[in-house]
Amino acid sequence: MEKVLEMARKGEITEVVCLELSRLGRDTMDVRSLILELAESGVCTHVVNRNLRSLDHKRKEDNVTMMVLGNLADLAEMERESTVKRIISGQQEAKRQARHIARPKGSMKSAERLLQENRKVVEYLREGRCSIRQITTLCAVSPNTVMKAKRTISAESAGSTAMPNQ
């Protein structure tokens, strides 16, 4: 968001479009301060799913919309907090019932299998000519897969055969 704010201050942008208000920040204060700072720079914040704009067509603050955006930010924060509480509660209940709540046993690949299944990734990593992002594109794998392979290669070269921490 710092880059967006910098662009706003320089007058390089006129509008910030986001699908949901909750995507603008982690808590109400962050969201409100971001919207206000953008508005002060003449940049309209457009929340698509609510069809709300922080500035009117004359680039003036729309007080009613700003109030609604503030209330929606409060609701989004409350929803985030209740989701976290529900997850923690579910985990605690699973522990009380002695249920396994982590990855299933045996679901982790061995270092050898990881490297064998991603031979092309290993080849590019050992050549050292491509970035992780380029390897991701060339091999159609996730950046996480490339990083796991890189850590595994490093661990092997250091003499360890165990799969490195993920």
Protein backbone atom coordinates (compact mmCIF):
# COMPACT_ATOMS: atom_id res chain seq x y z
CA MET A 1 0.00 0.00 0.00
CA GLU A 2 2.96 2.31 0.50
CA LYS A 3 3.52 2.37 -3.25
CA VAL A 4 -0.14 3.28 -3.82
CA LEU A 5 0.09 6.10 -1.28
CA GLU A 6 3.30 7.35 -2.87
CA MET A 7 1.66 7.34 -6.31
CA ALA A 8 -1.35 9.19 -4.85
CA ARG A 9 0.86 11.86 -3.32
CA LYS A 10 2.62 12.37 -6.64
CA GLY A 11 -0.71 12.64 -8.47
CA GLU A 12 0.02 9.58 -10.61
CA ILE A 13 -3.32 7.91 -9.85
CA THR A 14 -6.89 9.18 -9.50
CA GLU A 15 -8.69 6.07 -8.25
CA VAL A 16 -8.01 2.93 -6.24
CA VAL A 17 -10.37 0.06 -7.05
CA CYS A 18 -10.77 -2.86 -4.65
CA LEU A 19 -13.23 -5.72 -4.73
CA GLU A 20 -13.87 -5.72 -0.98
CA LEU A 21 -13.24 -3.15 1.70
CA SER A 22 -11.48 -5.76 3.84
CA ARG A 23 -8.73 -5.99 1.20
CA LEU A 24 -7.53 -2.48 2.08
CA GLY A 25 -6.22 -3.26 5.55
CA ARG A 26 -6.18 -5.54 8.56
CA ASP A 27 -8.24 -3.39 10.89
CA THR A 28 -10.68 -0.51 10.86
CA MET A 29 -8.07 2.12 11.70
CA ASP A 30 -5.83 1.05 8.82
CA VAL A 31 -8.71 1.10 6.34
CA ARG A 32 -10.04 4.46 7.51
CA SER A 33 -6.63 6.15 7.54
CA LEU A 34 -5.85 4.77 4.07
CA ILE A 35 -9.14 6.01 2.61
CA LEU A 36 -8.74 9.42 4.25
CA GLU A 37 -5.15 9.80 3.11
CA LEU A 38 -6.10 8.86 -0.43
CA ALA A 39 -9.03 11.30 -0.33
CA GLU A 40 -6.73 14.11 0.86
CA SER A 41 -4.60 13.44 -2.21
CA GLY A 42 -7.68 13.60 -4.44
CA VAL A 43 -7.75 9.85 -5.04
CA CYS A 44 -11.12 8.13 -4.98
CA THR A 45 -11.41 4.71 -3.30
CA HIS A 46 -13.94 2.56 -5.18
CA VAL A 47 -15.25 -0.52 -3.37
CA VAL A 48 -16.70 -2.66 -6.14
CA ASN A 49 -18.85 -5.16 -4.21
CA ARG A 50 -20.69 -2.28 -2.46
CA ASN A 51 -20.47 0.17 -5.37
CA LEU A 52 -19.18 2.86 -3.02
CA ARG A 53 -16.86 5.75 -3.87
CA SER A 54 -15.10 7.89 -1.28
CA LEU A 55 -15.18 10.99 -3.51
CA ASP A 56 -18.00 12.40 -5.62
CA HIS A 57 -17.69 13.32 -9.31
CA LYS A 58 -16.22 16.73 -8.31
CA ARG A 59 -13.48 14.98 -6.26
CA LYS A 60 -14.98 16.14 -2.95
CA GLU A 61 -15.44 13.82 0.03
CA ASP A 62 -18.88 12.24 0.18
CA ASN A 63 -19.57 12.29 3.92
CA VAL A 64 -22.35 9.71 3.84
CA THR A 65 -20.23 7.28 1.83
CA MET A 66 -17.26 7.88 4.15
CA MET A 67 -19.50 7.02 7.12
CA VAL A 68 -20.77 3.86 5.39
CA LEU A 69 -17.20 2.85 4.49
CA GLY A 70 -16.20 3.28 8.14
CA ASN A 71 -19.09 1.12 9.32
CA LEU A 72 -18.29 -1.54 6.72
CA ALA A 73 -14.65 -1.52 7.85
CA ASP A 74 -15.85 -2.09 11.44
CA LEU A 75 -18.01 -5.01 10.31
CA ALA A 76 -15.16 -6.54 8.29
CA GLU A 77 -12.87 -6.37 11.32
CA MET A 78 -15.51 -7.98 13.54
CA GLU A 79 -16.01 -10.76 10.97
CA ARG A 80 -12.25 -11.40 10.81
CA GLU A 81 -12.06 -11.60 14.60
CA SER A 82 -15.01 -14.00 14.86
CA THR A 83 -13.53 -16.21 12.12
CA VAL A 84 -10.26 -16.47 14.04
CA LYS A 85 -12.16 -17.30 17.25
CA ARG A 86 -14.17 -20.03 15.46
CA ILE A 87 -10.99 -21.59 14.04
CA ILE A 88 -9.26 -21.59 17.42
CA SER A 89 -12.36 -23.01 19.09
CA GLY A 90 -12.55 -25.81 16.51
CA GLN A 91 -8.88 -26.64 16.98
CA GLN A 92 -9.26 -26.74 20.77
CA GLU A 93 -12.31 -29.01 20.49
CA ALA A 94 -10.44 -31.35 18.14
CA LYS A 95 -7.57 -31.53 20.66
CA ARG A 96 -10.01 -32.30 23.49
CA GLN A 97 -11.39 -35.16 21.41
CA ALA A 98 -7.83 -36.32 20.64
CA ARG A 99 -8.34 -35.84 16.92
CA HIS A 100 -5.41 -35.36 14.59
CA ILE A 101 -5.66 -31.81 13.19
CA ALA A 102 -2.42 -31.50 11.23
CA ARG A 103 -1.46 -32.97 7.87
CA PRO A 104 -2.24 -36.67 7.48
CA LYS A 105 0.69 -38.94 8.34
CA GLY A 106 2.69 -39.89 5.27
CA SER A 107 1.50 -36.91 3.24
CA MET A 108 4.94 -35.28 3.26
CA LYS A 109 7.14 -36.13 0.30
CA SER A 110 10.67 -37.30 0.88
CA ALA A 111 13.47 -35.08 -0.39
CA GLU A 112 14.31 -37.66 -3.05
CA ARG A 113 10.73 -37.85 -4.30
CA LEU A 114 10.35 -34.05 -4.38
CA LEU A 115 13.46 -33.68 -6.52
CA GLN A 116 12.52 -36.61 -8.74
CA GLU A 117 9.03 -35.21 -9.43
CA ASN A 118 10.45 -31.77 -10.19
CA ARG A 119 13.48 -32.68 -12.32
CA LYS A 120 13.11 -29.67 -14.61
CA VAL A 121 12.97 -27.29 -11.62
CA VAL A 122 16.13 -28.90 -10.23
CA GLU A 123 17.84 -28.55 -13.59
CA TYR A 124 17.05 -24.81 -13.80
CA LEU A 125 18.12 -24.27 -10.17
CA ARG A 126 21.44 -26.02 -10.70
CA GLU A 127 22.09 -24.00 -13.88
CA GLY A 128 21.54 -20.85 -11.83
CA ARG A 129 20.55 -18.72 -14.83
CA CYS A 130 16.86 -18.24 -14.02
CA SER A 131 15.06 -16.51 -11.19
CA ILE A 132 12.56 -18.37 -9.04
CA ARG A 133 9.73 -16.51 -10.77
CA GLN A 134 11.06 -17.54 -14.20
CA ILE A 135 11.40 -21.17 -13.13
CA THR A 136 7.84 -21.04 -11.79
CA THR A 137 6.61 -19.93 -15.21
CA LEU A 138 8.81 -22.28 -17.24
CA CYS A 139 7.89 -25.37 -15.21
CA ALA A 140 4.27 -24.44 -14.41
CA VAL A 141 4.76 -24.98 -10.67
CA SER A 142 4.17 -22.80 -7.64
CA PRO A 143 6.91 -20.57 -6.23
CA ASN A 144 6.67 -22.66 -3.04
CA THR A 145 7.60 -25.81 -4.99
CA VAL A 146 10.66 -24.08 -6.44
CA MET A 147 11.69 -22.86 -2.98
CA LYS A 148 11.26 -26.35 -1.46
CA ALA A 149 13.42 -27.82 -4.21
CA LYS A 150 16.04 -25.10 -3.69
CA ARG A 151 16.15 -25.72 0.08
CA THR A 152 16.37 -29.48 -0.51
CA ILE A 153 19.27 -29.07 -2.93
CA SER A 154 21.04 -26.79 -0.44
CA ALA A 155 20.47 -29.29 2.39
CA GLU A 156 21.80 -32.15 0.25
CA SER A 157 24.90 -30.22 -0.70
CA ALA A 158 25.47 -29.49 2.99
CA GLY A 159 25.37 -33.25 3.69
CA SER A 160 21.86 -33.56 5.11
CA THR A 161 19.36 -35.99 3.56
CA ALA A 162 16.34 -34.94 5.60
CA MET A 163 13.69 -32.68 4.08
CA PRO A 164 14.34 -29.08 5.18
CA ASN A 165 11.73 -27.16 7.20
CA GLN A 166 8.89 -25.80 5.20
